[in-house]
């Protein structure tokens, strides 16, 4: 698994590649903790290269979402593969999070 971050104005884009399973979850959580500690509360998660996510990964996103919402921030998702999107849909998290076809589309929503 690989995690890359880039700043686009006041928005942090986090790209997660590979498998987000129990073994990689600690690394992902630590990266998000650092982003929040740096007071970056507008986050786009680019999942264009994510091949797998389990329920622990979904739960971590809920936890991060709650923490940044308290700070009037938001967490948006971009470029999900169909399998990954299905995991969000099966757990009804598609009713909680916003999903966009690309990072650029998600960025536009932060600007509006």
Foldseek 3Di string as FASTA:
>chain_A
DDWDWDDDDLEIEIEDAEEADPVCVVVVLVVLVVCVVVVRLAYEYEDQHYDYDDPVRVVSVVVSQVVSVVVVGHYAYENHDPVVVVVCVVVVVCVVHHYYDHPVVSVVVVVD
